[in-house]
Amino acid sequence: MFAINTYISENALMPGSANTMLSGQEVSEANDLVKDMKGLNSKSGSTIFGSQQILAQYISNLGAEVNYHRFQPQSSRFHPLHFFSSPDSGIVQDNVSCMTQGINTVGIIRAPQADGKEAIVLVTPYNPVKTSLHETLSLGIAYSIFSLLTQVTWLAKDIVWLAADSRYGEYAAVSAWLRDYHTPSFGRSSMIDTYTCAETNVLYEFEANHVTEKESLDDFKRAGTMAAALVIKVSNRSEHFEDSLSVYAEASNGQMPNLDLINIVNYLAEHRQGFQIKIEKFWPLLDCKWLKFLGEIFETIGKFIRSLNPEWKFGMLASDYVDGTATLASSLYYQAVGIPTGPHGAFRDYQIDAITVEMSPKFSSGVKVRRDEFILRGGRLIEGVVRSVNNLLEKFHQSFFLYLMVSTSKFVSVGVYMIAFALLVAPLPAVAASLYSYANNSNLTLEKIEPAAPANPDDELIVSLRSWRWLNAAKRVFVVHLWGAVVSLLPYFICPIPDYSPTTNSIIWALLSLLTLLILSVILGSPLSSTKSCEQRIQEWAFLKAMTTSAAFIGLCLMSVINFATAELGAFLVVSMCLLAHPLKLDLVAGNFKALSRAASNLVLGFIAFPPVTFFLFKAALQGFDNLHLGDFWNWMETLWAWNSATFLYLGMVHLPCWVLCTQILLHPC
C-alpha cells in the first residue's frame, strides 16, 4: 500500500527519444545465422565446436574483433572460506580435457568516437552440443543488433557480445569470462595447450582466408569498464495472445541492479515494442482466502476515507492488493535465498548493473514470417536499451539499488521497508535492558531478605561478584554461537565422503552437530545444567533471555546489512521466539489462561522455527507432503553454499543458536 510508481531518475537515459535504426537487412542476416545454427544440429559428423566457428565467422565478417575464451568447469565443493573470497573462486575440476573445456565466443566493436574506457555487454547463453531453437533465436536477436552497431557512428561505448558456452551452466560460463576479464593473466600454465588439442582445430579453419592468425583468436581481448550488461534469452514456452517479456534482476545475496535499468527495459518493451511485461509472483498467495478478505477490508476503508475527502488517497482494490502482495512476497523470497536468478548475477559480483531479459514469443518458432517480426521487435528493444546506456556519462547512480518490486510499475524503496524492519527488531534491546534491570533488582531483593551477618572485609567483593552474574549467561550465549559456527563448517568434512546420499549426509550432519554441542558443553561449561542454588536459578533465565535477545538483535542488524530480505524473513521467527521465550515450568505452575497460552505458543513456535522443520513446512505448502524427503534439506543447504549465499551463514550462526538458546529458556529448571 506504500508502493510508489516507478520513474526514470537519470535524465540522460532518454529512453525512446530516438527512432530505431534496426531494419529488415539486419533481420535477414540474423535469420541466416539462425539457419546455420539449426543446420549444424541436423548435420551428421559435426563437432561440438562447430557452433563457435560459425559465430566467429559471422562476427569476423562484420569487421568486429573476435576471440575465443577457454574455461574449465569448476567444482562446487564446500569450502569454509568460500563465502569471503573473491567472486567465483572455485576449485577447478580434475581430468579436464580438450573436449570438456568450455569455449566462449567473444565479439568486440570499438566505438569510433570514444577512447575505449567504457563498454556495454550483451550476453547470449547457448549449448553448443545441441543448440535448441529458442537459443538460436536469442543468438539471432543479439547478432541483429550487433550487426547494426558495427555501422552506426553514435556509439560512445564499446560493445562486447559474449556468446556463452552453457554446457556447464549459464552462470559458470559468464562468471569464468568475467573473472579472466578482471584478472590479468601473464601465462597459460593452467590452461590446456591449444596446439595439442586436435579436436579444437576446427575453430581456426575459417581463418584460412583471413588475415587474423590463430594466436589472435586465443588472445584475451578486453574493452573498457562495463557500464551495464544485458543477458538476452528467448523462452522455450510460447504465449497464446502476444509476445511477453520477463525481467530477472536478483543477484547473489539480494543484490539488485540500479532500478533505472529495469525501468528503461520495461518502458521500451511496453510502450515502444508492445511486449506484455510479466513479473514473478508467489502463486500460492493468489488463492489465499484470508489475503483476499484482508484486501477487501482495505478496499472498504479506502472507499470510506475517500468519501470523507476525495484528496485523501488510502486503500486499493482487493485484487490489486492480493496481486501486489504475491509479487512483493516473490521479490522478498528471491532476494532472501541469495541465489542469482540468472547469469546476470555474475556481473553484480563486480558491481556491474545487469539484468536478464527473457522474451516469450506467441508463435511456433518455425513460422518464418512471425519469426522475422519477433527478431525485429526484440532487436529494436535491445537497440533502445543500448542507446539509453550509451548516453550515460557516468555509472548508474541516480535511482535506487535497494528496493522490492510490487508490480512492473510499482516498487517499495529502502526508506519504507527499513521502517518495518526497525519496528520489528526495536523491542529486542528494550526487552534485554528491562530483563537485565529486573534480574539485578531481584538480586538486591534477595540480599535484603537474607539475615544480617557480621561485618566481613570480603563483603564488598561478594557484592561486586553478584553484580557480574550476567557473565554466566553471556558464557552460555557464547558457547552456543560458537557451536553454531562449528555446525556451519561441518559440511567441509562431510562432503569428501564418497557415495553417500543426501539423506545419509543429513543424518551425519545432525549427529555430529549434537556431538560437538556436548563436547563444547563439557570443555567450556555446560549451558544445560547449573549447580547454583534455587534462589539464584530463579533469576538466571532472565539474564539468559537478556543476553539471547541482545545477540539476536546484533545478528539481525548485521544480516540486514548483508542481505535485508534474509534478515526480514528471519526476524519474523527470531523476534517472536525471543520475546515469547519463558520457562515452561513457571507457566505450568501459574496455570492461568495467559500462562498456558504462552506455553502453547512457545511450543508451536519452537517447533516451527527449527530450520529443517521450517524448510519442510514451506516446501509442503508449495508442493505437498508427498514430495518431501529427508535429503531435501541437505540439497537445499548445498545449493546455498555452492552459490555463496549468506543465508547459509545466517541459518548456522544466528538463527540456529537463537533457537537453541530459546529452547534452553523454555526448559530452564527455575
Foldseek 3Di string as FASTA:
>chain_A
DPWDFDDFQDPLLPFPPDDFDQDLVLLVVLVVQLVVLQVLQVDPPRALCPNLLSVQVLLVVLVWAKAKDKDADFDLAFDPCLLPDAPPPGHGDPPDDPRRIWIKMKTKADQPPEDQAEEEEEEQEAASVHGDSQSSLLVSLVSSLVSVVSPDNLFHYMYMYIHFHQPVHQQRRLLVLVVPQPDPDDDQPVPDDPVPDPSNPVSCVVCPPPPDDPVSNHDNDYTHHYQAYEYEGEDPAAAAPFKAKEKFAAAFLLWGFFVNLLVSLVCCVCVPLNHHYDADFQPVLLPDPVLLVVLVVQQVVQVVVCVVPVVDGGHDHSNLSSLLVRQQVVQLVSNQLRHGPGSQNSVVSVVHHYMYMYMHHNDDCVPVVSSSSVSSSSNSSVVSSSSSSSSDPDHDDRGARAWTDRGSTIIGGPVPVVVVVCVLLVVLLVLLVVLLVVLVVLVVVVVVPDDDDPDDPCPVVVVVVVNVPLVVLVLLLVLLLVLLSVLLCVSSVLVVPPPDALLRSLVVSVVVSVVSSVVSCVPSNNPQDDPDDPSNLVSNLSSNLSSLSVLLSVLLVVSCVSRVSNSVVLSVLLSVLSVLQAALVVLVVVVDPVSVVSLVVNVVSLQCLLVVNVVQVVVCSVPNNVPDDSSPVVVSLSVSSSSSHCSSVCVRNRSNSSSVSSVSNHNRPD
